[in-house]
């Protein structure tokens, strides 16, 4: 399982829904999300679905992509990845392309769950991030591209469609923050790391 709840999170979930007199079943949790008495019903419900959710939960979780609470938006993507895995690759790509989403969570879902249908979009995303560091006045590439490289490593960094990203990484390496270089050293095969 990709994004399992730890025991502390499970305790918070159980405490929240016990106080609301809502049983910890998929049906009850979905009802609480669809008609919440508070935003915390939605937040804890999204996390609870990692333990109780099935494919039946996916439409409700997808509907939370633009929920007003940022943690709900982010966690719903990761819960979808946890429940459905690669079958929701098109949705992860839709979320990545959506201007209203933070990119790190869709890319994280892609990194751990998406199949090869995401390669082209991830290469384009990674290349855009790396190009920011190559401008005359280098820009911040953000953190999401690191998960993009994790995904590309999982798919096979030696694939022909990944080579533009590898060339840009070579050029951008000196401009990347040290914490990014450290993360990339841990993510990529050693032969892919610029020296």
C-alpha atoms as a PDB file:
ATOM      1  CA  UNK A   1       0.000   0.000   0.000  1.00  0.00           C
ATOM      2  CA  UNK A   2       1.311   3.403  -0.988  1.00  0.00           C
ATOM      3  CA  UNK A   3       0.022   5.945   1.548  1.00  0.00           C
ATOM      4  CA  UNK A   4      -0.969   3.967   4.621  1.00  0.00           C
ATOM      5  CA  UNK A   5      -2.238   5.664   7.742  1.00  0.00           C
ATOM      6  CA  UNK A   6      -0.064   5.161  10.785  1.00  0.00           C
ATOM      7  CA  UNK A   7      -1.546   4.205  14.146  1.00  0.00           C
ATOM      8  CA  UNK A   8      -1.620   7.798  15.394  1.00  0.00           C
ATOM      9  CA  UNK A   9      -3.574   8.951  12.331  1.00  0.00           C
ATOM     10  CA  UNK A  10      -5.970   6.011  12.707  1.00  0.00           C
ATOM     11  CA  UNK A  11      -6.562   7.025  16.328  1.00  0.00           C
ATOM     12  CA  UNK A  12      -7.354  10.631  15.315  1.00  0.00           C
ATOM     13  CA  UNK A  13      -9.722   9.368  12.606  1.00  0.00           C
ATOM     14  CA  UNK A  14     -11.491   7.018  15.028  1.00  0.00           C
ATOM     15  CA  UNK A  15     -11.767   9.727  17.700  1.00  0.00           C
ATOM     16  CA  UNK A  16     -13.162  12.277  15.250  1.00  0.00           C
ATOM     17  CA  UNK A  17     -15.865  10.003  13.859  1.00  0.00           C
ATOM     18  CA  UNK A  18     -16.698   8.451  17.244  1.00  0.00           C
ATOM     19  CA  UNK A  19     -17.506  11.947  18.557  1.00  0.00           C
ATOM     20  CA  UNK A  20     -19.744  12.453  15.497  1.00  0.00           C
ATOM     21  CA  UNK A  21     -21.336   9.023  15.997  1.00  0.00           C
ATOM     22  CA  UNK A  22     -20.341   8.047  12.457  1.00  0.00           C
ATOM     23  CA  UNK A  23     -19.287   4.423  11.962  1.00  0.00           C
ATOM     24  CA  UNK A  24     -15.978   3.722  10.269  1.00  0.00           C
ATOM     25  CA  UNK A  25     -17.361   2.200   7.094  1.00  0.00           C
ATOM     26  CA  UNK A  26     -16.857   3.320   3.535  1.00  0.00           C
ATOM     27  CA  UNK A  27     -20.527   4.210   3.103  1.00  0.00           C
ATOM     28  CA  UNK A  28     -20.708   6.256   6.302  1.00  0.00           C
ATOM     29  CA  UNK A  29     -17.444   8.058   5.555  1.00  0.00           C
ATOM     30  CA  UNK A  30     -18.593   8.908   2.016  1.00  0.00           C
ATOM     31  CA  UNK A  31     -21.874  10.275   3.420  1.00  0.00           C
ATOM     32  CA  UNK A  32     -19.909  12.408   5.902  1.00  0.00           C
ATOM     33  CA  UNK A  33     -17.740  13.793   3.089  1.00  0.00           C
ATOM     34  CA  UNK A  34     -20.709  14.539   0.826  1.00  0.00           C
ATOM     35  CA  UNK A  35     -22.695  16.301   3.570  1.00  0.00           C
ATOM     36  CA  UNK A  36     -20.093  17.475   6.084  1.00  0.00           C
ATOM     37  CA  UNK A  37     -20.933  19.219   9.323  1.00  0.00           C
ATOM     38  CA  UNK A  38     -17.377  20.584   9.340  1.00  0.00           C
ATOM     39  CA  UNK A  39     -14.333  20.702   7.080  1.00  0.00           C
ATOM     40  CA  UNK A  40     -12.717  18.185   9.425  1.00  0.00           C
ATOM     41  CA  UNK A  41     -15.337  15.600   8.489  1.00  0.00           C
ATOM     42  CA  UNK A  42     -13.993  15.908   4.954  1.00  0.00           C
ATOM     43  CA  UNK A  43     -10.317  15.937   5.961  1.00  0.00           C
ATOM     44  CA  UNK A  44     -10.496  12.944   8.307  1.00  0.00           C
ATOM     45  CA  UNK A  45     -12.862  11.206   5.892  1.00  0.00           C
ATOM     46  CA  UNK A  46     -10.350  11.459   3.045  1.00  0.00           C
ATOM     47  CA  UNK A  47      -7.687   9.930   5.268  1.00  0.00           C
ATOM     48  CA  UNK A  48     -10.076   7.242   6.556  1.00  0.00           C
ATOM     49  CA  UNK A  49     -10.771   6.130   2.995  1.00  0.00           C
ATOM     50  CA  UNK A  50      -7.169   4.949   2.802  1.00  0.00           C
ATOM     51  CA  UNK A  51      -8.246   2.207   5.211  1.00  0.00           C
ATOM     52  CA  UNK A  52     -11.889   1.712   4.162  1.00  0.00           C
ATOM     53  CA  UNK A  53     -12.132   3.017   0.627  1.00  0.00           C
ATOM     54  CA  UNK A  54     -12.633   1.071  -2.573  1.00  0.00           C
ATOM     55  CA  UNK A  55     -13.095   2.103  -6.195  1.00  0.00           C
ATOM     56  CA  UNK A  56     -16.542   3.312  -5.129  1.00  0.00           C
ATOM     57  CA  UNK A  57     -14.837   6.196  -3.276  1.00  0.00           C
ATOM     58  CA  UNK A  58     -12.939   7.528  -6.273  1.00  0.00           C
ATOM     59  CA  UNK A  59     -15.645   9.808  -7.765  1.00  0.00           C
ATOM     60  CA  UNK A  60     -16.159  11.509  -4.395  1.00  0.00           C
ATOM     61  CA  UNK A  61     -12.401  11.943  -3.921  1.00  0.00           C
ATOM     62  CA  UNK A  62     -12.009  13.376  -7.426  1.00  0.00           C
ATOM     63  CA  UNK A  63     -14.690  15.917  -6.575  1.00  0.00           C
ATOM     64  CA  UNK A  64     -12.422  17.281  -3.826  1.00  0.00           C
ATOM     65  CA  UNK A  65      -9.637  18.403  -6.164  1.00  0.00           C
ATOM     66  CA  UNK A  66     -10.734  22.041  -5.722  1.00  0.00           C
ATOM     67  CA  UNK A  67     -12.004  21.860  -2.145  1.00  0.00           C
ATOM     68  CA  UNK A  68     -11.293  25.072  -0.164  1.00  0.00           C
ATOM     69  CA  UNK A  69      -9.009  23.331   2.378  1.00  0.00           C
ATOM     70  CA  UNK A  70      -5.566  22.693   0.842  1.00  0.00           C
ATOM     71  CA  UNK A  71      -4.868  19.565   2.910  1.00  0.00           C
ATOM     72  CA  UNK A  72      -8.082  17.998   1.596  1.00  0.00           C
ATOM     73  CA  UNK A  73      -7.096  18.690  -2.017  1.00  0.00           C
ATOM     74  CA  UNK A  74      -3.626  17.252  -1.512  1.00  0.00           C
ATOM     75  CA  UNK A  75      -4.664  14.232   0.535  1.00  0.00           C
ATOM     76  CA  UNK A  76      -7.487  13.334  -1.847  1.00  0.00           C
ATOM     77  CA  UNK A  77      -4.940  12.893  -4.666  1.00  0.00           C
ATOM     78  CA  UNK A  78      -2.750  10.664  -2.542  1.00  0.00           C
ATOM     79  CA  UNK A  79      -5.760   8.657  -1.339  1.00  0.00           C
ATOM     80  CA  UNK A  80      -6.805   8.080  -4.953  1.00  0.00           C
ATOM     81  CA  UNK A  81      -3.265   6.859  -5.680  1.00  0.00           C
ATOM     82  CA  UNK A  82      -3.456   4.593  -2.624  1.00  0.00           C
ATOM     83  CA  UNK A  83      -6.783   3.052  -3.633  1.00  0.00           C
ATOM     84  CA  UNK A  84      -6.531   2.916  -7.424  1.00  0.00           C
ATOM     85  CA  UNK A  85      -2.874   3.035  -8.353  1.00  0.00           C
ATOM     86  CA  UNK A  86      -2.027   3.305 -12.043  1.00  0.00           C
ATOM     87  CA  UNK A  87      -5.637   3.059 -13.212  1.00  0.00           C
ATOM     88  CA  UNK A  88      -6.042   6.750 -12.331  1.00  0.00           C
ATOM     89  CA  UNK A  89      -2.990   7.936 -14.274  1.00  0.00           C
ATOM     90  CA  UNK A  90      -5.163  10.148 -16.534  1.00  0.00           C
ATOM     91  CA  UNK A  91      -6.621  11.883 -13.466  1.00  0.00           C
ATOM     92  CA  UNK A  92      -3.163  12.515 -11.993  1.00  0.00           C
ATOM     93  CA  UNK A  93      -2.146  14.083 -15.313  1.00  0.00           C
ATOM     94  CA  UNK A  94      -5.304  16.208 -15.320  1.00  0.00           C
ATOM     95  CA  UNK A  95      -4.488  17.422 -11.811  1.00  0.00           C
ATOM     96  CA  UNK A  96      -0.892  18.158 -12.832  1.00  0.00           C
ATOM     97  CA  UNK A  97      -2.084  20.241 -15.788  1.00  0.00           C
ATOM     98  CA  UNK A  98      -4.741  22.095 -13.763  1.00  0.00           C
ATOM     99  CA  UNK A  99      -3.588  25.641 -13.016  1.00  0.00           C
ATOM    100  CA  UNK A 100      -5.472  25.601  -9.701  1.00  0.00           C
ATOM    101  CA  UNK A 101      -3.480  22.744  -8.129  1.00  0.00           C
ATOM    102  CA  UNK A 102      -0.144  22.721  -6.368  1.00  0.00           C
ATOM    103  CA  UNK A 103       2.065  20.544  -8.537  1.00  0.00           C
ATOM    104  CA  UNK A 104       3.935  18.641  -5.862  1.00  0.00           C
ATOM    105  CA  UNK A 105       0.985  16.373  -4.922  1.00  0.00           C
ATOM    106  CA  UNK A 106      -0.110  15.333  -8.415  1.00  0.00           C
ATOM    107  CA  UNK A 107       3.552  14.675  -9.221  1.00  0.00           C
ATOM    108  CA  UNK A 108       3.962  12.670  -6.008  1.00  0.00           C
ATOM    109  CA  UNK A 109       0.921  10.563  -6.964  1.00  0.00           C
ATOM    110  CA  UNK A 110       2.418  10.083 -10.432  1.00  0.00           C
ATOM    111  CA  UNK A 111       5.814   9.162  -8.986  1.00  0.00           C
ATOM    112  CA  UNK A 112       4.451   6.317  -6.904  1.00  0.00           C
ATOM    113  CA  UNK A 113       1.380   5.139  -8.792  1.00  0.00           C
ATOM    114  CA  UNK A 114       1.223   6.205 -12.452  1.00  0.00           C
ATOM    115  CA  UNK A 115       2.007   3.967 -15.377  1.00  0.00           C
ATOM    116  CA  UNK A 116       3.866   4.775 -18.596  1.00  0.00           C
ATOM    117  CA  UNK A 117       1.014   6.949 -19.911  1.00  0.00           C
ATOM    118  CA  UNK A 118       2.511   9.784 -17.849  1.00  0.00           C
ATOM    119  CA  UNK A 119       6.023   9.749 -19.346  1.00  0.00           C
ATOM    120  CA  UNK A 120       5.489  12.487 -21.946  1.00  0.00           C
ATOM    121  CA  UNK A 121       3.798  14.878 -19.505  1.00  0.00           C
ATOM    122  CA  UNK A 122       6.382  14.261 -16.783  1.00  0.00           C
ATOM    123  CA  UNK A 123       9.292  14.842 -19.178  1.00  0.00           C
ATOM    124  CA  UNK A 124       7.695  18.128 -20.267  1.00  0.00           C
ATOM    125  CA  UNK A 125       7.135  19.173 -16.632  1.00  0.00           C
ATOM    126  CA  UNK A 126      10.688  18.276 -15.560  1.00  0.00           C
ATOM    127  CA  UNK A 127      12.174  20.046 -18.582  1.00  0.00           C
ATOM    128  CA  UNK A 128      10.202  23.225 -17.859  1.00  0.00           C
ATOM    129  CA  UNK A 129      11.390  23.209 -14.241  1.00  0.00           C
ATOM    130  CA  UNK A 130      15.026  22.679 -15.207  1.00  0.00           C
ATOM    131  CA  UNK A 131      14.919  25.392 -17.878  1.00  0.00           C
ATOM    132  CA  UNK A 132      13.990  27.898 -15.173  1.00  0.00           C
ATOM    133  CA  UNK A 133      17.425  27.369 -13.623  1.00  0.00           C
ATOM    134  CA  UNK A 134      19.168  28.006 -16.940  1.00  0.00           C
ATOM    135  CA  UNK A 135      17.815  31.506 -17.518  1.00  0.00           C
ATOM    136  CA  UNK A 136      20.204  34.475 -17.313  1.00  0.00           C
ATOM    137  CA  UNK A 137      18.542  35.192 -13.977  1.00  0.00           C
ATOM    138  CA  UNK A 138      17.888  31.636 -12.688  1.00  0.00           C
ATOM    139  CA  UNK A 139      14.403  30.922 -11.351  1.00  0.00           C
ATOM    140  CA  UNK A 140      13.167  28.517  -8.700  1.00  0.00           C
ATOM    141  CA  UNK A 141      12.311  25.151 -10.255  1.00  0.00           C
ATOM    142  CA  UNK A 142      10.074  24.204  -7.304  1.00  0.00           C
ATOM    143  CA  UNK A 143      10.229  20.758  -5.711  1.00  0.00           C
ATOM    144  CA  UNK A 144       7.762  18.787  -7.842  1.00  0.00           C
ATOM    145  CA  UNK A 145      10.275  17.988 -10.591  1.00  0.00           C
ATOM    146  CA  UNK A 146      12.200  15.816  -8.090  1.00  0.00           C
ATOM    147  CA  UNK A 147       9.197  13.478  -7.884  1.00  0.00           C
ATOM    148  CA  UNK A 148       9.124  13.664 -11.662  1.00  0.00           C
ATOM    149  CA  UNK A 149      12.649  12.270 -11.783  1.00  0.00           C
ATOM    150  CA  UNK A 150      11.634   9.592  -9.288  1.00  0.00           C
ATOM    151  CA  UNK A 151       8.853   8.555 -11.658  1.00  0.00           C
ATOM    152  CA  UNK A 152      11.202   8.616 -14.676  1.00  0.00           C
ATOM    153  CA  UNK A 153      13.702   6.461 -12.774  1.00  0.00           C
ATOM    154  CA  UNK A 154      10.913   3.979 -12.028  1.00  0.00           C
ATOM    155  CA  UNK A 155       9.869   3.925 -15.695  1.00  0.00           C
ATOM    156  CA  UNK A 156      13.478   3.688 -16.954  1.00  0.00           C
ATOM    157  CA  UNK A 157      15.618   6.798 -17.155  1.00  0.00           C
ATOM    158  CA  UNK A 158      17.378   5.387 -20.233  1.00  0.00           C
ATOM    159  CA  UNK A 159      14.209   5.568 -22.347  1.00  0.00           C
ATOM    160  CA  UNK A 160      14.684   7.746 -25.450  1.00  0.00           C
ATOM    161  CA  UNK A 161      11.927  10.166 -24.377  1.00  0.00           C
ATOM    162  CA  UNK A 162      13.773  10.846 -21.095  1.00  0.00           C
ATOM    163  CA  UNK A 163      17.025  11.936 -22.699  1.00  0.00           C
ATOM    164  CA  UNK A 164      16.094  15.623 -22.993  1.00  0.00           C
ATOM    165  CA  UNK A 165      15.532  15.673 -19.230  1.00  0.00           C
ATOM    166  CA  UNK A 166      18.894  14.042 -18.613  1.00  0.00           C
ATOM    167  CA  UNK A 167      20.697  16.567 -20.852  1.00  0.00           C
ATOM    168  CA  UNK A 168      18.955  19.470 -19.100  1.00  0.00           C
ATOM    169  CA  UNK A 169      19.823  17.978 -15.711  1.00  0.00           C
ATOM    170  CA  UNK A 170      23.510  17.941 -16.693  1.00  0.00           C
ATOM    171  CA  UNK A 171      23.342  21.626 -17.651  1.00  0.00           C
ATOM    172  CA  UNK A 172      21.187  22.719 -14.686  1.00  0.00           C
ATOM    173  CA  UNK A 173      23.004  20.723 -11.986  1.00  0.00           C
ATOM    174  CA  UNK A 174      25.287  23.560 -10.764  1.00  0.00           C
ATOM    175  CA  UNK A 175      22.276  25.899 -10.452  1.00  0.00           C
ATOM    176  CA  UNK A 176      20.124  23.515  -8.415  1.00  0.00           C
ATOM    177  CA  UNK A 177      19.813  24.020  -4.655  1.00  0.00           C
ATOM    178  CA  UNK A 178      21.981  21.576  -2.708  1.00  0.00           C
ATOM    179  CA  UNK A 179      18.917  19.981  -1.090  1.00  0.00           C
ATOM    180  CA  UNK A 180      17.594  19.223  -4.584  1.00  0.00           C
ATOM    181  CA  UNK A 181      20.914  17.687  -5.627  1.00  0.00           C
ATOM    182  CA  UNK A 182      20.864  15.571  -2.463  1.00  0.00           C
ATOM    183  CA  UNK A 183      17.325  14.365  -3.207  1.00  0.00           C
ATOM    184  CA  UNK A 184      18.227  13.610  -6.821  1.00  0.00           C
ATOM    185  CA  UNK A 185      21.309  11.627  -5.736  1.00  0.00           C
ATOM    186  CA  UNK A 186      18.987   9.470  -3.633  1.00  0.00           C
ATOM    187  CA  UNK A 187      16.423   9.141  -6.445  1.00  0.00           C
ATOM    188  CA  UNK A 188      18.389   8.573  -9.610  1.00  0.00           C
ATOM    189  CA  UNK A 189      20.806   5.785 -10.545  1.00  0.00           C
ATOM    190  CA  UNK A 190      24.395   6.839  -9.844  1.00  0.00           C
ATOM    191  CA  UNK A 191      25.336   6.887 -13.540  1.00  0.00           C
ATOM    192  CA  UNK A 192      22.623   9.542 -14.134  1.00  0.00           C
ATOM    193  CA  UNK A 193      24.045  11.972 -11.562  1.00  0.00           C
ATOM    194  CA  UNK A 194      26.169  14.771 -13.059  1.00  0.00           C
ATOM    195  CA  UNK A 195      29.656  15.113 -11.626  1.00  0.00           C
END
